[in-house]
Amino acid sequence: GGRFAAAEGLIQSSVSHTIDLEGCAGVASWALGQVMDAEGRTAEGITTLNTYDGVQKFQSAGLLFFESRLSGYGARFALDREGAGDARSILRVYDSAFERVFEYSGY
């Protein structure tokens, strides 16, 4: 544990040296979110997982409901930053992220 800078460098390097940008960028976004979470970098986590530019990197990753998982993870970053004061709007983001999963699974 604790080698977050090295992990972040490897993530950036893998995205810049790959042909499969769709699949790789999705997994890289997830890994980067993990690093940011571990370091308490909430604002960067929101940028990576909840903004338009961030979502574009993982939206077409091709992994089953992966974008839902990452959007939900991004909502958790927002909840960490905003606290309970903005919980309703954050829960709307979370619910919209997982709506497809719930429809698919029958919940």
N, C-alpha and C. Protein backbone atom coordinates (compact mmCIF):
# COMPACT_ATOMS: atom_id res chain seq x y z
N GLY A 1 0.81 -1.19 0.00
CA GLY A 1 0.00 0.00 0.00
C GLY A 1 0.85 1.25 0.00
N GLY A 2 0.23 2.33 -0.40
CA GLY A 2 0.87 3.62 -0.32
C GLY A 2 1.66 4.05 -1.55
N ARG A 3 1.68 3.25 -2.58
CA ARG A 3 2.44 3.62 -3.78
C ARG A 3 1.51 4.24 -4.83
N PHE A 4 0.76 5.22 -4.39
CA PHE A 4 -0.28 5.81 -5.23
C PHE A 4 0.29 6.60 -6.40
N ALA A 5 1.38 7.32 -6.19
CA ALA A 5 1.98 8.10 -7.28
C ALA A 5 2.47 7.17 -8.38
N ALA A 6 3.09 6.06 -8.00
CA ALA A 6 3.56 5.09 -8.99
C ALA A 6 2.38 4.48 -9.74
N ALA A 7 1.31 4.16 -9.01
CA ALA A 7 0.12 3.60 -9.65
C ALA A 7 -0.49 4.59 -10.63
N GLU A 8 -0.57 5.84 -10.23
CA GLU A 8 -1.14 6.86 -11.12
C GLU A 8 -0.30 7.02 -12.38
N GLY A 9 1.02 6.98 -12.23
CA GLY A 9 1.90 7.06 -13.40
C GLY A 9 1.67 5.88 -14.35
N LEU A 10 1.51 4.69 -13.81
CA LEU A 10 1.25 3.51 -14.65
C LEU A 10 -0.10 3.62 -15.37
N ILE A 11 -1.08 4.15 -14.68
CA ILE A 11 -2.40 4.34 -15.30
C ILE A 11 -2.29 5.29 -16.48
N GLN A 12 -1.66 6.44 -16.28
CA GLN A 12 -1.51 7.42 -17.35
C GLN A 12 -0.72 6.84 -18.52
N SER A 13 0.31 6.09 -18.20
CA SER A 13 1.14 5.48 -19.24
C SER A 13 0.36 4.45 -20.05
N SER A 14 -0.47 3.66 -19.38
CA SER A 14 -1.22 2.63 -20.09
C SER A 14 -2.22 3.24 -21.06
N VAL A 15 -2.81 4.34 -20.70
CA VAL A 15 -3.77 4.98 -21.59
C VAL A 15 -3.07 5.60 -22.79
N SER A 16 -1.88 6.14 -22.59
CA SER A 16 -1.19 6.81 -23.69
C SER A 16 -0.50 5.83 -24.65
N HIS A 17 -0.34 4.57 -24.27
CA HIS A 17 0.36 3.60 -25.11
C HIS A 17 -0.52 2.45 -25.59
N THR A 18 -1.80 2.65 -25.67
CA THR A 18 -2.66 1.55 -26.07
C THR A 18 -3.48 1.90 -27.30
N ILE A 19 -3.83 0.88 -28.03
CA ILE A 19 -4.69 1.06 -29.20
C ILE A 19 -6.16 0.97 -28.79
N ASP A 20 -6.48 0.12 -27.82
CA ASP A 20 -7.84 -0.09 -27.35
C ASP A 20 -8.22 0.99 -26.35
N LEU A 21 -8.43 2.21 -26.84
CA LEU A 21 -8.71 3.31 -25.93
C LEU A 21 -10.05 3.17 -25.23
N GLU A 22 -11.04 2.56 -25.90
CA GLU A 22 -12.35 2.45 -25.26
C GLU A 22 -12.28 1.55 -24.03
N GLY A 23 -11.82 0.33 -24.18
CA GLY A 23 -11.75 -0.59 -23.05
C GLY A 23 -10.73 -0.16 -22.02
N CYS A 24 -9.57 0.24 -22.48
CA CYS A 24 -8.49 0.63 -21.57
C CYS A 24 -8.86 1.89 -20.80
N ALA A 25 -9.46 2.84 -21.45
CA ALA A 25 -9.81 4.09 -20.78
C ALA A 25 -10.83 3.86 -19.68
N GLY A 26 -11.74 2.92 -19.87
CA GLY A 26 -12.71 2.59 -18.84
C GLY A 26 -12.05 2.00 -17.61
N VAL A 27 -11.19 1.03 -17.82
CA VAL A 27 -10.48 0.41 -16.70
C VAL A 27 -9.53 1.42 -16.05
N ALA A 28 -8.89 2.26 -16.87
CA ALA A 28 -7.99 3.27 -16.33
C ALA A 28 -8.76 4.29 -15.48
N SER A 29 -9.96 4.66 -15.92
CA SER A 29 -10.78 5.59 -15.12
C SER A 29 -11.12 4.98 -13.78
N TRP A 30 -11.46 3.70 -13.78
CA TRP A 30 -11.76 3.02 -12.53
C TRP A 30 -10.54 2.99 -11.61
N ALA A 31 -9.38 2.62 -12.17
CA ALA A 31 -8.15 2.56 -11.37
C ALA A 31 -7.78 3.94 -10.83
N LEU A 32 -7.91 4.94 -11.67
CA LEU A 32 -7.60 6.31 -11.24
C LEU A 32 -8.55 6.75 -10.13
N GLY A 33 -9.82 6.38 -10.24
CA GLY A 33 -10.76 6.68 -9.18
C GLY A 33 -10.37 6.03 -7.87
N GLN A 34 -9.85 4.80 -7.94
CA GLN A 34 -9.39 4.10 -6.73
C GLN A 34 -8.22 4.85 -6.08
N VAL A 35 -7.28 5.30 -6.90
CA VAL A 35 -6.12 6.04 -6.38
C VAL A 35 -6.59 7.34 -5.73
N MET A 36 -7.46 8.07 -6.41
CA MET A 36 -7.94 9.34 -5.88
C MET A 36 -8.72 9.14 -4.59
N ASP A 37 -9.50 8.06 -4.54
CA ASP A 37 -10.25 7.76 -3.32
C ASP A 37 -9.30 7.47 -2.16
N ALA A 38 -8.29 6.67 -2.42
CA ALA A 38 -7.34 6.30 -1.37
C ALA A 38 -6.58 7.51 -0.84
N GLU A 39 -6.35 8.49 -1.71
CA GLU A 39 -5.61 9.69 -1.29
C GLU A 39 -6.53 10.82 -0.82
N GLY A 40 -7.84 10.59 -0.85
CA GLY A 40 -8.78 11.62 -0.42
C GLY A 40 -8.92 12.77 -1.39
N ARG A 41 -8.66 12.52 -2.66
CA ARG A 41 -8.73 13.56 -3.70
C ARG A 41 -10.14 13.61 -4.29
N THR A 42 -11.08 14.08 -3.48
CA THR A 42 -12.50 14.04 -3.81
C THR A 42 -12.82 14.86 -5.06
N ALA A 43 -12.34 16.09 -5.14
CA ALA A 43 -12.66 16.95 -6.28
C ALA A 43 -12.17 16.34 -7.58
N GLU A 44 -10.98 15.77 -7.57
CA GLU A 44 -10.45 15.13 -8.78
C GLU A 44 -11.24 13.87 -9.12
N GLY A 45 -11.70 13.17 -8.10
CA GLY A 45 -12.52 11.98 -8.33
C GLY A 45 -13.82 12.34 -9.00
N ILE A 46 -14.43 13.44 -8.58
CA ILE A 46 -15.67 13.91 -9.21
C ILE A 46 -15.40 14.28 -10.66
N THR A 47 -14.31 14.98 -10.92
CA THR A 47 -13.95 15.35 -12.29
C THR A 47 -13.73 14.12 -13.16
N THR A 48 -13.06 13.12 -12.61
CA THR A 48 -12.74 11.91 -13.37
C THR A 48 -13.98 11.07 -13.65
N LEU A 49 -14.92 11.02 -12.73
CA LEU A 49 -16.02 10.08 -12.86
C LEU A 49 -17.39 10.69 -13.07
N ASN A 50 -17.58 11.99 -12.84
CA ASN A 50 -18.92 12.56 -12.95
C ASN A 50 -19.07 13.69 -13.95
N THR A 51 -18.01 14.27 -14.45
CA THR A 51 -18.16 15.36 -15.41
C THR A 51 -18.29 14.80 -16.82
N TYR A 52 -18.72 15.64 -17.73
CA TYR A 52 -18.91 15.21 -19.12
C TYR A 52 -17.64 14.61 -19.71
N ASP A 53 -16.51 15.30 -19.55
CA ASP A 53 -15.24 14.81 -20.10
C ASP A 53 -14.84 13.48 -19.47
N GLY A 54 -15.05 13.35 -18.17
CA GLY A 54 -14.70 12.10 -17.51
C GLY A 54 -15.54 10.94 -17.98
N VAL A 55 -16.85 11.18 -18.11
CA VAL A 55 -17.77 10.11 -18.53
C VAL A 55 -17.44 9.66 -19.95
N GLN A 56 -17.01 10.56 -20.81
CA GLN A 56 -16.69 10.19 -22.19
C GLN A 56 -15.58 9.14 -22.25
N LYS A 57 -14.73 9.11 -21.25
CA LYS A 57 -13.61 8.17 -21.25
C LYS A 57 -14.05 6.75 -20.95
N PHE A 58 -15.14 6.57 -20.21
CA PHE A 58 -15.51 5.20 -19.85
C PHE A 58 -16.89 4.79 -20.31
N GLN A 59 -17.63 5.70 -20.93
CA GLN A 59 -19.01 5.40 -21.31
C GLN A 59 -19.11 4.23 -22.28
N SER A 60 -18.17 4.08 -23.18
CA SER A 60 -18.23 3.01 -24.17
C SER A 60 -17.15 1.96 -23.92
N ALA A 61 -16.88 1.67 -22.66
CA ALA A 61 -15.83 0.71 -22.32
C ALA A 61 -16.16 -0.70 -22.80
N GLY A 62 -17.44 -1.00 -22.99
CA GLY A 62 -17.81 -2.31 -23.48
C GLY A 62 -17.93 -3.38 -22.41
N LEU A 63 -17.74 -3.02 -21.16
CA LEU A 63 -17.88 -3.96 -20.07
C LEU A 63 -19.29 -3.83 -19.50
N LEU A 64 -19.93 -4.92 -19.15
CA LEU A 64 -21.32 -4.92 -18.75
C LEU A 64 -21.58 -3.97 -17.58
N PHE A 65 -22.33 -2.92 -17.86
CA PHE A 65 -22.74 -1.94 -16.86
C PHE A 65 -21.57 -1.26 -16.16
N PHE A 66 -20.41 -1.24 -16.78
CA PHE A 66 -19.24 -0.63 -16.15
C PHE A 66 -19.44 0.86 -15.95
N GLU A 67 -20.07 1.51 -16.94
CA GLU A 67 -20.29 2.95 -16.81
C GLU A 67 -21.24 3.25 -15.65
N SER A 68 -22.17 2.35 -15.38
CA SER A 68 -23.07 2.54 -14.24
C SER A 68 -22.29 2.49 -12.93
N ARG A 69 -21.41 1.53 -12.85
CA ARG A 69 -20.60 1.38 -11.64
C ARG A 69 -19.72 2.61 -11.39
N LEU A 70 -19.08 3.09 -12.46
CA LEU A 70 -18.21 4.25 -12.30
C LEU A 70 -18.99 5.52 -11.99
N SER A 71 -20.15 5.69 -12.61
CA SER A 71 -20.98 6.86 -12.30
C SER A 71 -21.45 6.82 -10.85
N GLY A 72 -21.80 5.63 -10.37
CA GLY A 72 -22.19 5.48 -8.97
C GLY A 72 -21.04 5.78 -8.03
N TYR A 73 -19.86 5.36 -8.43
CA TYR A 73 -18.66 5.64 -7.64
C TYR A 73 -18.40 7.15 -7.60
N GLY A 74 -18.62 7.80 -8.74
CA GLY A 74 -18.48 9.25 -8.80
C GLY A 74 -19.48 9.96 -7.91
N ALA A 75 -20.70 9.42 -7.82
CA ALA A 75 -21.70 10.00 -6.93
C ALA A 75 -21.24 9.90 -5.48
N ARG A 76 -20.56 8.82 -5.15
CA ARG A 76 -20.04 8.68 -3.79
C ARG A 76 -18.97 9.72 -3.49
N PHE A 77 -18.15 10.04 -4.49
CA PHE A 77 -17.18 11.13 -4.33
C PHE A 77 -17.92 12.43 -4.02
N ALA A 78 -19.00 12.69 -4.76
CA ALA A 78 -19.76 13.92 -4.53
C ALA A 78 -20.38 13.93 -3.15
N LEU A 79 -20.86 12.80 -2.69
CA LEU A 79 -21.43 12.72 -1.35
C LEU A 79 -20.37 13.00 -0.29
N ASP A 80 -19.15 12.50 -0.53
CA ASP A 80 -18.05 12.78 0.39
C ASP A 80 -17.77 14.28 0.47
N ARG A 81 -17.85 14.95 -0.68
CA ARG A 81 -17.53 16.38 -0.70
C ARG A 81 -18.67 17.22 -0.15
N GLU A 82 -19.88 16.91 -0.58
CA GLU A 82 -21.02 17.76 -0.24
C GLU A 82 -21.65 17.40 1.10
N GLY A 83 -21.47 16.18 1.56
CA GLY A 83 -22.11 15.75 2.79
C GLY A 83 -23.59 15.54 2.59
N ALA A 84 -24.31 15.46 3.66
CA ALA A 84 -25.74 15.17 3.59
C ALA A 84 -26.56 16.34 3.05
N GLY A 85 -25.98 17.52 2.97
CA GLY A 85 -26.71 18.69 2.52
C GLY A 85 -27.23 18.60 1.11
N ASP A 86 -26.54 17.92 0.25
CA ASP A 86 -26.95 17.81 -1.15
C ASP A 86 -27.25 16.35 -1.50
N ALA A 87 -27.66 15.58 -0.53
CA ALA A 87 -27.84 14.15 -0.73
C ALA A 87 -28.90 13.82 -1.78
N ARG A 88 -29.95 14.60 -1.89
CA ARG A 88 -31.02 14.30 -2.86
C ARG A 88 -30.52 14.34 -4.29
N SER A 89 -29.79 15.38 -4.65
CA SER A 89 -29.31 15.48 -6.03
C SER A 89 -28.25 14.41 -6.31
N ILE A 90 -27.45 14.10 -5.30
CA ILE A 90 -26.43 13.07 -5.47
C ILE A 90 -27.08 11.70 -5.62
N LEU A 91 -28.14 11.46 -4.86
CA LEU A 91 -28.85 10.18 -5.00
C LEU A 91 -29.53 10.07 -6.35
N ARG A 92 -29.95 11.18 -6.94
CA ARG A 92 -30.51 11.14 -8.30
C ARG A 92 -29.44 10.70 -9.30
N VAL A 93 -28.22 11.20 -9.14
CA VAL A 93 -27.12 10.77 -10.01
C VAL A 93 -26.87 9.27 -9.83
N TYR A 94 -26.83 8.83 -8.59
CA TYR A 94 -26.60 7.41 -8.29
C TYR A 94 -27.72 6.55 -8.87
N ASP A 95 -28.98 6.96 -8.65
CA ASP A 95 -30.12 6.19 -9.15
C ASP A 95 -30.13 6.13 -10.67
N SER A 96 -29.82 7.24 -11.32
CA SER A 96 -29.81 7.22 -12.79
C SER A 96 -28.68 6.35 -13.31
N ALA A 97 -27.58 6.27 -12.57
CA ALA A 97 -26.47 5.42 -12.99
C ALA A 97 -26.85 3.95 -12.92
N PHE A 98 -27.60 3.58 -11.90
CA PHE A 98 -27.92 2.17 -11.70
C PHE A 98 -29.28 1.75 -12.24
N GLU A 99 -30.01 2.69 -12.83
CA GLU A 99 -31.33 2.37 -13.37
C GLU A 99 -31.27 1.23 -14.39
N ARG A 100 -30.31 1.27 -15.29
CA ARG A 100 -30.17 0.20 -16.29
C ARG A 100 -29.88 -1.14 -15.65
N VAL A 101 -29.07 -1.14 -14.61
CA VAL A 101 -28.72 -2.39 -13.93
C VAL A 101 -29.97 -2.99 -13.28
N PHE A 102 -30.77 -2.13 -12.62
CA PHE A 102 -31.96 -2.61 -11.96
C PHE A 102 -32.99 -3.12 -12.98
N GLU A 103 -33.13 -2.43 -14.10
CA GLU A 103 -34.06 -2.89 -15.14
C GLU A 103 -33.62 -4.23 -15.70
N TYR A 104 -32.35 -4.36 -15.97
CA TYR A 104 -31.81 -5.60 -16.53
C TYR A 104 -31.97 -6.78 -15.57
N SER A 105 -31.76 -6.53 -14.28
CA SER A 105 -31.79 -7.61 -13.31
C SER A 105 -33.19 -7.90 -12.79
N GLY A 106 -34.16 -7.02 -13.07
CA GLY A 106 -35.52 -7.25 -12.64
C GLY A 106 -35.88 -6.65 -11.30
N TYR A 107 -34.98 -5.88 -10.71
CA TYR A 107 -35.29 -5.23 -9.43
C TYR A 107 -36.15 -4.03 -9.62
